[in-house]
ModelCIF file with pLDDT and N, C-alpha, C, O atoms, coordinates in Angstrom:
data_MODEL
#
_entry.id   MODEL 
#
_entity.id                         1 
_entity.type                       polymer 
_entity.pdbx_number_of_molecules   1 
#
_entity_poly.entity_id                      1 
_entity_poly.type                           'polypeptide(L)' 
_entity_poly.nstd_linkage                   no 
_entity_poly.nstd_monomer                   no 
_entity_poly.pdbx_seq_one_letter_code       IYLYGISPRYYNYMSKLLSLIPPDTPNPFQTPPISVRGNIVNQTNP 
_entity_poly.pdbx_seq_one_letter_code_can   IYLYGISPRYYNYMSKLLSLIPPDTPNPFQTPPISVRGNIVNQTNP 
_entity_poly.pdbx_strand_id                 A 
#
loop_
_entity_poly_seq.entity_id 
_entity_poly_seq.num 
_entity_poly_seq.mon_id 
_entity_poly_seq.hetero 
1 1  ILE n 
1 2  TYR n 
1 3  LEU n 
1 4  TYR n 
1 5  GLY n 
1 6  ILE n 
1 7  SER n 
1 8  PRO n 
1 9  ARG n 
1 10 TYR n 
1 11 TYR n 
1 12 ASN n 
1 13 TYR n 
1 14 MET n 
1 15 SER n 
1 16 LYS n 
1 17 LEU n 
1 18 LEU n 
1 19 SER n 
1 20 LEU n 
1 21 ILE n 
1 22 PRO n 
1 23 PRO n 
1 24 ASP n 
1 25 THR n 
1 26 PRO n 
1 27 ASN n 
1 28 PRO n 
1 29 PHE n 
1 30 GLN n 
1 31 THR n 
1 32 PRO n 
1 33 PRO n 
1 34 ILE n 
1 35 SER n 
1 36 VAL n 
1 37 ARG n 
1 38 GLY n 
1 39 ASN n 
1 40 ILE n 
1 41 VAL n 
1 42 ASN n 
1 43 GLN n 
1 44 THR n 
1 45 ASN n 
1 46 PRO n 
#
_struct_asym.id          A 
_struct_asym.entity_id   1 
#
loop_
_ma_qa_metric.id 
_ma_qa_metric.mode 
_ma_qa_metric.name 
_ma_qa_metric.software_group_id 
_ma_qa_metric.type 
1 global pLDDT . pLDDT 
2 local  pLDDT . pLDDT 
#
_ma_qa_metric_global.metric_id      1 
_ma_qa_metric_global.metric_value   80.72 
_ma_qa_metric_global.model_id       1 
_ma_qa_metric_global.ordinal_id     1 
#
loop_
_ma_qa_metric_local.label_asym_id 
_ma_qa_metric_local.label_comp_id 
_ma_qa_metric_local.label_seq_id 
_ma_qa_metric_local.metric_id 
_ma_qa_metric_local.metric_value 
_ma_qa_metric_local.model_id 
_ma_qa_metric_local.ordinal_id 
A ILE 1  2 98.00 1 1  
A TYR 2  2 98.00 1 2  
A LEU 3  2 98.00 1 3  
A TYR 4  2 98.00 1 4  
A GLY 5  2 98.00 1 5  
A ILE 6  2 98.00 1 6  
A SER 7  2 97.00 1 7  
A PRO 8  2 97.00 1 8  
A ARG 9  2 96.00 1 9  
A TYR 10 2 97.00 1 10 
A TYR 11 2 97.00 1 11 
A ASN 12 2 96.00 1 12 
A TYR 13 2 94.00 1 13 
A MET 14 2 93.00 1 14 
A SER 15 2 92.00 1 15 
A LYS 16 2 88.00 1 16 
A LEU 17 2 85.00 1 17 
A LEU 18 2 81.00 1 18 
A SER 19 2 81.00 1 19 
A LEU 20 2 78.00 1 20 
A ILE 21 2 67.00 1 21 
A PRO 22 2 59.00 1 22 
A PRO 23 2 57.00 1 23 
A ASP 24 2 54.00 1 24 
A THR 25 2 55.00 1 25 
A PRO 26 2 51.00 1 26 
A ASN 27 2 52.00 1 27 
A PRO 28 2 55.00 1 28 
A PHE 29 2 50.00 1 29 
A GLN 30 2 49.00 1 30 
A THR 31 2 47.00 1 31 
A PRO 32 2 49.00 1 32 
A PRO 33 2 47.00 1 33 
A ILE 34 2 54.00 1 34 
A SER 35 2 68.00 1 35 
A VAL 36 2 80.00 1 36 
A ARG 37 2 88.00 1 37 
A GLY 38 2 94.00 1 38 
A ASN 39 2 96.00 1 39 
A ILE 40 2 97.00 1 40 
A VAL 41 2 97.00 1 41 
A ASN 42 2 98.00 1 42 
A GLN 43 2 98.00 1 43 
A THR 44 2 98.00 1 44 
A ASN 45 2 97.00 1 45 
A PRO 46 2 96.00 1 46 
#
loop_
_atom_site.group_PDB 
_atom_site.id 
_atom_site.type_symbol 
_atom_site.label_atom_id 
_atom_site.label_alt_id 
_atom_site.label_comp_id 
_atom_site.label_asym_id 
_atom_site.label_entity_id 
_atom_site.label_seq_id 
_atom_site.pdbx_PDB_ins_code 
_atom_site.Cartn_x 
_atom_site.Cartn_y 
_atom_site.Cartn_z 
_atom_site.occupancy 
_atom_site.B_iso_or_equiv 
_atom_site.pdbx_formal_charge 
_atom_site.auth_seq_id 
_atom_site.auth_comp_id 
_atom_site.auth_asym_id 
_atom_site.auth_atom_id 
_atom_site.pdbx_PDB_model_num 
ATOM 1   N N  . ILE A 1 1  ? -65.888 109.076 -12.393 1.00 98.00 ? 1  ILE A N  1 
ATOM 2   C CA . ILE A 1 1  ? -66.491 110.157 -12.615 1.00 98.00 ? 1  ILE A CA 1 
ATOM 3   C C  . ILE A 1 1  ? -67.059 110.878 -11.332 1.00 98.00 ? 1  ILE A C  1 
ATOM 4   O O  . ILE A 1 1  ? -67.901 110.284 -10.659 1.00 98.00 ? 1  ILE A O  1 
ATOM 5   N N  . TYR A 1 2  ? -66.711 111.896 -11.038 1.00 98.00 ? 2  TYR A N  1 
ATOM 6   C CA . TYR A 1 2  ? -66.945 112.705 -9.695  1.00 98.00 ? 2  TYR A CA 1 
ATOM 7   C C  . TYR A 1 2  ? -68.103 113.745 -10.055 1.00 98.00 ? 2  TYR A C  1 
ATOM 8   O O  . TYR A 1 2  ? -68.246 114.130 -11.215 1.00 98.00 ? 2  TYR A O  1 
ATOM 9   N N  . LEU A 1 3  ? -68.753 114.092 -9.232  1.00 98.00 ? 3  LEU A N  1 
ATOM 10  C CA . LEU A 1 3  ? -69.864 115.043 -9.117  1.00 98.00 ? 3  LEU A CA 1 
ATOM 11  C C  . LEU A 1 3  ? -69.710 115.823 -7.740  1.00 98.00 ? 3  LEU A C  1 
ATOM 12  O O  . LEU A 1 3  ? -69.708 115.203 -6.677  1.00 98.00 ? 3  LEU A O  1 
ATOM 13  N N  . TYR A 1 4  ? -69.573 117.289 -7.800  1.00 98.00 ? 4  TYR A N  1 
ATOM 14  C CA . TYR A 1 4  ? -69.255 117.963 -6.514  1.00 98.00 ? 4  TYR A CA 1 
ATOM 15  C C  . TYR A 1 4  ? -70.569 119.099 -6.475  1.00 98.00 ? 4  TYR A C  1 
ATOM 16  O O  . TYR A 1 4  ? -71.001 119.708 -7.454  1.00 98.00 ? 4  TYR A O  1 
ATOM 17  N N  . GLY A 1 5  ? -70.975 119.179 -5.323  1.00 98.00 ? 5  GLY A N  1 
ATOM 18  C CA . GLY A 1 5  ? -71.918 120.361 -5.114  1.00 98.00 ? 5  GLY A CA 1 
ATOM 19  C C  . GLY A 1 5  ? -71.031 121.452 -4.719  1.00 98.00 ? 5  GLY A C  1 
ATOM 20  O O  . GLY A 1 5  ? -70.185 121.397 -3.827  1.00 98.00 ? 5  GLY A O  1 
ATOM 21  N N  . ILE A 1 6  ? -71.339 122.571 -5.562  1.00 98.00 ? 6  ILE A N  1 
ATOM 22  C CA . ILE A 1 6  ? -70.592 123.934 -5.471  1.00 98.00 ? 6  ILE A CA 1 
ATOM 23  C C  . ILE A 1 6  ? -71.627 125.107 -5.053  1.00 98.00 ? 6  ILE A C  1 
ATOM 24  O O  . ILE A 1 6  ? -72.832 124.949 -5.252  1.00 98.00 ? 6  ILE A O  1 
ATOM 25  N N  . SER A 1 7  ? -71.146 126.221 -4.501  1.00 97.00 ? 7  SER A N  1 
ATOM 26  C CA . SER A 1 7  ? -71.897 127.335 -4.245  1.00 97.00 ? 7  SER A CA 1 
ATOM 27  C C  . SER A 1 7  ? -72.122 128.178 -5.449  1.00 97.00 ? 7  SER A C  1 
ATOM 28  O O  . SER A 1 7  ? -71.347 127.990 -6.386  1.00 97.00 ? 7  SER A O  1 
ATOM 29  N N  . PRO A 1 8  ? -72.976 129.001 -5.571  1.00 97.00 ? 8  PRO A N  1 
ATOM 30  C CA . PRO A 1 8  ? -73.356 129.886 -6.811  1.00 97.00 ? 8  PRO A CA 1 
ATOM 31  C C  . PRO A 1 8  ? -72.212 130.852 -6.988  1.00 97.00 ? 8  PRO A C  1 
ATOM 32  O O  . PRO A 1 8  ? -72.032 131.337 -8.105  1.00 97.00 ? 8  PRO A O  1 
ATOM 33  N N  . ARG A 1 9  ? -71.424 131.173 -5.983  1.00 96.00 ? 9  ARG A N  1 
ATOM 34  C CA . ARG A 1 9  ? -70.163 132.151 -6.016  1.00 96.00 ? 9  ARG A CA 1 
ATOM 35  C C  . ARG A 1 9  ? -69.025 131.380 -6.830  1.00 96.00 ? 9  ARG A C  1 
ATOM 36  O O  . ARG A 1 9  ? -68.429 131.761 -7.838  1.00 96.00 ? 9  ARG A O  1 
ATOM 37  N N  . TYR A 1 10 ? -68.891 130.181 -6.107  1.00 97.00 ? 10 TYR A N  1 
ATOM 38  C CA . TYR A 1 10 ? -67.803 129.382 -6.792  1.00 97.00 ? 10 TYR A CA 1 
ATOM 39  C C  . TYR A 1 10 ? -68.008 129.055 -8.363  1.00 97.00 ? 10 TYR A C  1 
ATOM 40  O O  . TYR A 1 10 ? -67.063 129.017 -9.150  1.00 97.00 ? 10 TYR A O  1 
ATOM 41  N N  . TYR A 1 11 ? -69.423 128.812 -8.743  1.00 97.00 ? 11 TYR A N  1 
ATOM 42  C CA . TYR A 1 11 ? -69.799 128.410 -10.137 1.00 97.00 ? 11 TYR A CA 1 
ATOM 43  C C  . TYR A 1 11 ? -69.361 129.742 -10.977 1.00 97.00 ? 11 TYR A C  1 
ATOM 44  O O  . TYR A 1 11 ? -68.696 129.649 -12.009 1.00 97.00 ? 11 TYR A O  1 
ATOM 45  N N  . ASN A 1 12 ? -69.783 130.949 -10.456 1.00 96.00 ? 12 ASN A N  1 
ATOM 46  C CA . ASN A 1 12 ? -69.442 132.201 -11.292 1.00 96.00 ? 12 ASN A CA 1 
ATOM 47  C C  . ASN A 1 12 ? -67.893 132.201 -11.328 1.00 96.00 ? 12 ASN A C  1 
ATOM 48  O O  . ASN A 1 12 ? -67.366 132.412 -12.421 1.00 96.00 ? 12 ASN A O  1 
ATOM 49  N N  . TYR A 1 13 ? -67.126 131.991 -10.265 1.00 94.00 ? 13 TYR A N  1 
ATOM 50  C CA . TYR A 1 13 ? -65.620 131.983 -10.350 1.00 94.00 ? 13 TYR A CA 1 
ATOM 51  C C  . TYR A 1 13 ? -65.075 130.999 -11.524 1.00 94.00 ? 13 TYR A C  1 
ATOM 52  O O  . TYR A 1 13 ? -64.356 131.368 -12.452 1.00 94.00 ? 13 TYR A O  1 
ATOM 53  N N  . MET A 1 14 ? -65.521 129.764 -11.326 1.00 93.00 ? 14 MET A N  1 
ATOM 54  C CA . MET A 1 14 ? -65.086 128.845 -12.053 1.00 93.00 ? 14 MET A CA 1 
ATOM 55  C C  . MET A 1 14 ? -65.603 128.972 -13.657 1.00 93.00 ? 14 MET A C  1 
ATOM 56  O O  . MET A 1 14 ? -64.939 128.383 -14.510 1.00 93.00 ? 14 MET A O  1 
ATOM 57  N N  . SER A 1 15 ? -66.502 129.558 -13.960 1.00 92.00 ? 15 SER A N  1 
ATOM 58  C CA . SER A 1 15 ? -66.909 129.977 -15.375 1.00 92.00 ? 15 SER A CA 1 
ATOM 59  C C  . SER A 1 15 ? -66.034 130.977 -15.976 1.00 92.00 ? 15 SER A C  1 
ATOM 60  O O  . SER A 1 15 ? -65.848 130.998 -17.193 1.00 92.00 ? 15 SER A O  1 
ATOM 61  N N  . LYS A 1 16 ? -65.469 131.835 -15.150 1.00 88.00 ? 16 LYS A N  1 
ATOM 62  C CA . LYS A 1 16 ? -64.491 132.821 -15.572 1.00 88.00 ? 16 LYS A CA 1 
ATOM 63  C C  . LYS A 1 16 ? -63.062 132.173 -15.826 1.00 88.00 ? 16 LYS A C  1 
ATOM 64  O O  . LYS A 1 16 ? -62.390 132.438 -16.822 1.00 88.00 ? 16 LYS A O  1 
ATOM 65  N N  . LEU A 1 17 ? -62.619 131.189 -14.702 1.00 85.00 ? 17 LEU A N  1 
ATOM 66  C CA . LEU A 1 17 ? -61.348 130.607 -14.801 1.00 85.00 ? 17 LEU A CA 1 
ATOM 67  C C  . LEU A 1 17 ? -61.551 129.644 -15.831 1.00 85.00 ? 17 LEU A C  1 
ATOM 68  O O  . LEU A 1 17 ? -60.535 129.711 -16.523 1.00 85.00 ? 17 LEU A O  1 
ATOM 69  N N  . LEU A 1 18 ? -62.331 128.769 -16.313 1.00 81.00 ? 18 LEU A N  1 
ATOM 70  C CA . LEU A 1 18 ? -62.304 127.503 -17.201 1.00 81.00 ? 18 LEU A CA 1 
ATOM 71  C C  . LEU A 1 18 ? -62.414 128.333 -18.546 1.00 81.00 ? 18 LEU A C  1 
ATOM 72  O O  . LEU A 1 18 ? -61.882 127.788 -19.513 1.00 81.00 ? 18 LEU A O  1 
ATOM 73  N N  . SER A 1 19 ? -63.005 129.541 -18.765 1.00 81.00 ? 19 SER A N  1 
ATOM 74  C CA . SER A 1 19 ? -63.070 130.295 -20.144 1.00 81.00 ? 19 SER A CA 1 
ATOM 75  C C  . SER A 1 19 ? -61.763 130.829 -20.458 1.00 81.00 ? 19 SER A C  1 
ATOM 76  O O  . SER A 1 19 ? -61.643 131.340 -21.572 1.00 81.00 ? 19 SER A O  1 
ATOM 77  N N  . LEU A 1 20 ? -60.575 130.806 -19.544 1.00 78.00 ? 20 LEU A N  1 
ATOM 78  C CA . LEU A 1 20 ? -59.303 131.561 -19.710 1.00 78.00 ? 20 LEU A CA 1 
ATOM 79  C C  . LEU A 1 20 ? -58.179 130.441 -20.062 1.00 78.00 ? 20 LEU A C  1 
ATOM 80  O O  . LEU A 1 20 ? -57.168 130.723 -20.705 1.00 78.00 ? 20 LEU A O  1 
ATOM 81  N N  . ILE A 1 21 ? -58.441 129.250 -19.614 1.00 67.00 ? 21 ILE A N  1 
ATOM 82  C CA . ILE A 1 21 ? -57.379 128.318 -19.650 1.00 67.00 ? 21 ILE A CA 1 
ATOM 83  C C  . ILE A 1 21 ? -57.416 127.263 -20.935 1.00 67.00 ? 21 ILE A C  1 
ATOM 84  O O  . ILE A 1 21 ? -58.414 127.091 -21.635 1.00 67.00 ? 21 ILE A O  1 
ATOM 85  N N  . PRO A 1 22 ? -56.379 126.714 -21.081 1.00 59.00 ? 22 PRO A N  1 
ATOM 86  C CA . PRO A 1 22 ? -56.469 125.754 -22.316 1.00 59.00 ? 22 PRO A CA 1 
ATOM 87  C C  . PRO A 1 22 ? -57.458 124.546 -21.843 1.00 59.00 ? 22 PRO A C  1 
ATOM 88  O O  . PRO A 1 22 ? -57.610 124.299 -20.646 1.00 59.00 ? 22 PRO A O  1 
ATOM 89  N N  . PRO A 1 23 ? -58.109 123.823 -22.854 1.00 57.00 ? 23 PRO A N  1 
ATOM 90  C CA . PRO A 1 23 ? -58.955 122.786 -22.344 1.00 57.00 ? 23 PRO A CA 1 
ATOM 91  C C  . PRO A 1 23 ? -58.061 121.602 -21.874 1.00 57.00 ? 23 PRO A C  1 
ATOM 92  O O  . PRO A 1 23 ? -56.854 121.475 -22.076 1.00 57.00 ? 23 PRO A O  1 
ATOM 93  N N  . ASP A 1 24 ? -58.750 120.908 -21.324 1.00 54.00 ? 24 ASP A N  1 
ATOM 94  C CA . ASP A 1 24 ? -58.280 119.429 -20.624 1.00 54.00 ? 24 ASP A CA 1 
ATOM 95  C C  . ASP A 1 24 ? -56.801 119.896 -19.783 1.00 54.00 ? 24 ASP A C  1 
ATOM 96  O O  . ASP A 1 24 ? -55.855 119.109 -19.748 1.00 54.00 ? 24 ASP A O  1 
ATOM 97  N N  . THR A 1 25 ? -56.741 121.024 -19.234 1.00 55.00 ? 25 THR A N  1 
ATOM 98  C CA . THR A 1 25 ? -55.880 121.394 -18.031 1.00 55.00 ? 25 THR A CA 1 
ATOM 99  C C  . THR A 1 25 ? -55.930 120.725 -16.945 1.00 55.00 ? 25 THR A C  1 
ATOM 100 O O  . THR A 1 25 ? -56.813 121.083 -16.165 1.00 55.00 ? 25 THR A O  1 
ATOM 101 N N  . PRO A 1 26 ? -55.076 119.606 -16.531 1.00 51.00 ? 26 PRO A N  1 
ATOM 102 C CA . PRO A 1 26 ? -55.298 118.737 -15.197 1.00 51.00 ? 26 PRO A CA 1 
ATOM 103 C C  . PRO A 1 26 ? -55.808 119.695 -14.020 1.00 51.00 ? 26 PRO A C  1 
ATOM 104 O O  . PRO A 1 26 ? -56.843 119.392 -13.427 1.00 51.00 ? 26 PRO A O  1 
ATOM 105 N N  . ASN A 1 27 ? -55.160 120.744 -13.705 1.00 52.00 ? 27 ASN A N  1 
ATOM 106 C CA . ASN A 1 27 ? -55.329 121.599 -12.538 1.00 52.00 ? 27 ASN A CA 1 
ATOM 107 C C  . ASN A 1 27 ? -55.578 122.887 -12.947 1.00 52.00 ? 27 ASN A C  1 
ATOM 108 O O  . ASN A 1 27 ? -54.593 123.468 -13.404 1.00 52.00 ? 27 ASN A O  1 
ATOM 109 N N  . PRO A 1 28 ? -56.724 123.570 -12.911 1.00 55.00 ? 28 PRO A N  1 
ATOM 110 C CA . PRO A 1 28 ? -56.792 125.141 -13.374 1.00 55.00 ? 28 PRO A CA 1 
ATOM 111 C C  . PRO A 1 28 ? -56.083 125.944 -12.356 1.00 55.00 ? 28 PRO A C  1 
ATOM 112 O O  . PRO A 1 28 ? -55.840 127.098 -12.707 1.00 55.00 ? 28 PRO A O  1 
ATOM 113 N N  . PHE A 1 29 ? -55.678 125.578 -11.117 1.00 50.00 ? 29 PHE A N  1 
ATOM 114 C CA . PHE A 1 29 ? -55.083 126.415 -10.242 1.00 50.00 ? 29 PHE A CA 1 
ATOM 115 C C  . PHE A 1 29 ? -53.718 126.188 -10.414 1.00 50.00 ? 29 PHE A C  1 
ATOM 116 O O  . PHE A 1 29 ? -53.037 126.765 -9.567  1.00 50.00 ? 29 PHE A O  1 
ATOM 117 N N  . GLN A 1 30 ? -53.082 125.520 -11.255 1.00 49.00 ? 30 GLN A N  1 
ATOM 118 C CA . GLN A 1 30 ? -51.718 125.435 -11.390 1.00 49.00 ? 30 GLN A CA 1 
ATOM 119 C C  . GLN A 1 30 ? -50.997 126.636 -11.911 1.00 49.00 ? 30 GLN A C  1 
ATOM 120 O O  . GLN A 1 30 ? -49.977 127.049 -11.357 1.00 49.00 ? 30 GLN A O  1 
ATOM 121 N N  . THR A 1 31 ? -51.460 127.144 -12.858 1.00 47.00 ? 31 THR A N  1 
ATOM 122 C CA . THR A 1 31 ? -50.879 127.962 -13.545 1.00 47.00 ? 31 THR A CA 1 
ATOM 123 C C  . THR A 1 31 ? -51.960 129.067 -14.122 1.00 47.00 ? 31 THR A C  1 
ATOM 124 O O  . THR A 1 31 ? -52.239 129.238 -15.309 1.00 47.00 ? 31 THR A O  1 
ATOM 125 N N  . PRO A 1 32 ? -52.490 129.761 -13.009 1.00 49.00 ? 32 PRO A N  1 
ATOM 126 C CA . PRO A 1 32 ? -53.526 130.909 -13.365 1.00 49.00 ? 32 PRO A CA 1 
ATOM 127 C C  . PRO A 1 32 ? -53.068 131.681 -14.559 1.00 49.00 ? 32 PRO A C  1 
ATOM 128 O O  . PRO A 1 32 ? -51.905 132.086 -14.536 1.00 49.00 ? 32 PRO A O  1 
ATOM 129 N N  . PRO A 1 33 ? -53.742 131.920 -15.502 1.00 47.00 ? 33 PRO A N  1 
ATOM 130 C CA . PRO A 1 33 ? -53.340 132.758 -16.915 1.00 47.00 ? 33 PRO A CA 1 
ATOM 131 C C  . PRO A 1 33 ? -53.595 134.299 -16.665 1.00 47.00 ? 33 PRO A C  1 
ATOM 132 O O  . PRO A 1 33 ? -53.000 135.155 -17.319 1.00 47.00 ? 33 PRO A O  1 
ATOM 133 N N  . ILE A 1 34 ? -54.506 134.597 -15.692 1.00 54.00 ? 34 ILE A N  1 
ATOM 134 C CA . ILE A 1 34 ? -54.753 136.005 -15.426 1.00 54.00 ? 34 ILE A CA 1 
ATOM 135 C C  . ILE A 1 34 ? -55.228 136.222 -13.982 1.00 54.00 ? 34 ILE A C  1 
ATOM 136 O O  . ILE A 1 34 ? -55.424 135.230 -13.280 1.00 54.00 ? 34 ILE A O  1 
ATOM 137 N N  . SER A 1 35 ? -55.419 137.411 -13.512 1.00 68.00 ? 35 SER A N  1 
ATOM 138 C CA . SER A 1 35 ? -55.597 137.631 -12.135 1.00 68.00 ? 35 SER A CA 1 
ATOM 139 C C  . SER A 1 35 ? -57.272 137.474 -11.984 1.00 68.00 ? 35 SER A C  1 
ATOM 140 O O  . SER A 1 35 ? -58.009 138.461 -11.977 1.00 68.00 ? 35 SER A O  1 
ATOM 141 N N  . VAL A 1 36 ? -57.774 136.061 -11.863 1.00 80.00 ? 36 VAL A N  1 
ATOM 142 C CA . VAL A 1 36 ? -59.097 136.083 -11.619 1.00 80.00 ? 36 VAL A CA 1 
ATOM 143 C C  . VAL A 1 36 ? -59.193 136.091 -10.088 1.00 80.00 ? 36 VAL A C  1 
ATOM 144 O O  . VAL A 1 36 ? -58.485 135.395 -9.361  1.00 80.00 ? 36 VAL A O  1 
ATOM 145 N N  . ARG A 1 37 ? -60.177 136.982 -9.653  1.00 88.00 ? 37 ARG A N  1 
ATOM 146 C CA . ARG A 1 37 ? -60.167 137.165 -8.166  1.00 88.00 ? 37 ARG A CA 1 
ATOM 147 C C  . ARG A 1 37 ? -61.099 135.993 -7.785  1.00 88.00 ? 37 ARG A C  1 
ATOM 148 O O  . ARG A 1 37 ? -62.007 135.614 -8.524  1.00 88.00 ? 37 ARG A O  1 
ATOM 149 N N  . GLY A 1 38 ? -60.800 135.406 -6.508  1.00 94.00 ? 38 GLY A N  1 
ATOM 150 C CA . GLY A 1 38 ? -61.592 134.407 -5.789  1.00 94.00 ? 38 GLY A CA 1 
ATOM 151 C C  . GLY A 1 38 ? -62.335 135.055 -4.551  1.00 94.00 ? 38 GLY A C  1 
ATOM 152 O O  . GLY A 1 38 ? -62.655 136.243 -4.497  1.00 94.00 ? 38 GLY A O  1 
ATOM 153 N N  . ASN A 1 39 ? -62.545 134.205 -3.660  1.00 96.00 ? 39 ASN A N  1 
ATOM 154 C CA . ASN A 1 39 ? -63.128 134.785 -2.471  1.00 96.00 ? 39 ASN A CA 1 
ATOM 155 C C  . ASN A 1 39 ? -62.216 135.027 -1.291  1.00 96.00 ? 39 ASN A C  1 
ATOM 156 O O  . ASN A 1 39 ? -62.637 135.332 -0.175  1.00 96.00 ? 39 ASN A O  1 
ATOM 157 N N  . ILE A 1 40 ? -60.898 134.869 -1.613  1.00 97.00 ? 40 ILE A N  1 
ATOM 158 C CA . ILE A 1 40 ? -59.981 135.130 -0.523  1.00 97.00 ? 40 ILE A CA 1 
ATOM 159 C C  . ILE A 1 40 ? -59.508 136.532 -0.488  1.00 97.00 ? 40 ILE A C  1 
ATOM 160 O O  . ILE A 1 40 ? -59.165 137.079 -1.536  1.00 97.00 ? 40 ILE A O  1 
ATOM 161 N N  . VAL A 1 41 ? -59.464 137.203 0.748   1.00 97.00 ? 41 VAL A N  1 
ATOM 162 C CA . VAL A 1 41 ? -59.130 138.572 0.979   1.00 97.00 ? 41 VAL A CA 1 
ATOM 163 C C  . VAL A 1 41 ? -58.055 138.701 1.843   1.00 97.00 ? 41 VAL A C  1 
ATOM 164 O O  . VAL A 1 41 ? -57.989 138.077 2.903   1.00 97.00 ? 41 VAL A O  1 
ATOM 165 N N  . ASN A 1 42 ? -57.008 139.660 1.359   1.00 98.00 ? 42 ASN A N  1 
ATOM 166 C CA . ASN A 1 42 ? -56.062 139.991 2.288   1.00 98.00 ? 42 ASN A CA 1 
ATOM 167 C C  . ASN A 1 42 ? -56.543 141.011 3.016   1.00 98.00 ? 42 ASN A C  1 
ATOM 168 O O  . ASN A 1 42 ? -56.826 142.112 2.544   1.00 98.00 ? 42 ASN A O  1 
ATOM 169 N N  . GLN A 1 43 ? -56.676 140.625 4.417   1.00 98.00 ? 43 GLN A N  1 
ATOM 170 C CA . GLN A 1 43 ? -57.070 141.535 5.499   1.00 98.00 ? 43 GLN A CA 1 
ATOM 171 C C  . GLN A 1 43 ? -56.260 142.594 5.832   1.00 98.00 ? 43 GLN A C  1 
ATOM 172 O O  . GLN A 1 43 ? -56.752 143.628 6.283   1.00 98.00 ? 43 GLN A O  1 
ATOM 173 N N  . THR A 1 44 ? -54.969 142.450 5.648   1.00 98.00 ? 44 THR A N  1 
ATOM 174 C CA . THR A 1 44 ? -53.834 143.320 6.073   1.00 98.00 ? 44 THR A CA 1 
ATOM 175 C C  . THR A 1 44 ? -53.541 144.372 5.082   1.00 98.00 ? 44 THR A C  1 
ATOM 176 O O  . THR A 1 44 ? -53.468 145.547 5.442   1.00 98.00 ? 44 THR A O  1 
ATOM 177 N N  . ASN A 1 45 ? -53.347 143.972 3.699   1.00 97.00 ? 45 ASN A N  1 
ATOM 178 C CA . ASN A 1 45 ? -52.975 144.545 2.721   1.00 97.00 ? 45 ASN A CA 1 
ATOM 179 C C  . ASN A 1 45 ? -53.885 144.338 1.497   1.00 97.00 ? 45 ASN A C  1 
ATOM 180 O O  . ASN A 1 45 ? -53.461 143.730 0.514   1.00 97.00 ? 45 ASN A O  1 
ATOM 181 N N  . PRO A 1 46 ? -55.009 144.790 1.543   1.00 96.00 ? 46 PRO A N  1 
ATOM 182 C CA . PRO A 1 46 ? -56.082 144.493 0.367   1.00 96.00 ? 46 PRO A CA 1 
ATOM 183 C C  . PRO A 1 46 ? -55.571 144.603 -1.239  1.00 96.00 ? 46 PRO A C  1 
ATOM 184 O O  . PRO A 1 46 ? -56.363 144.383 -2.155  1.00 96.00 ? 46 PRO A O  1 
#
């Protein structure tokens, strides 16, 4: 069992992501089902 400390922004991001993926998905980043925007920005072409 692992426990991770996370930021409020990441908490909000994961709440959106986990609500959209099938339960028990091993890696929620593997196949994002929808364009959930994170904190990474394209500085060249937004």
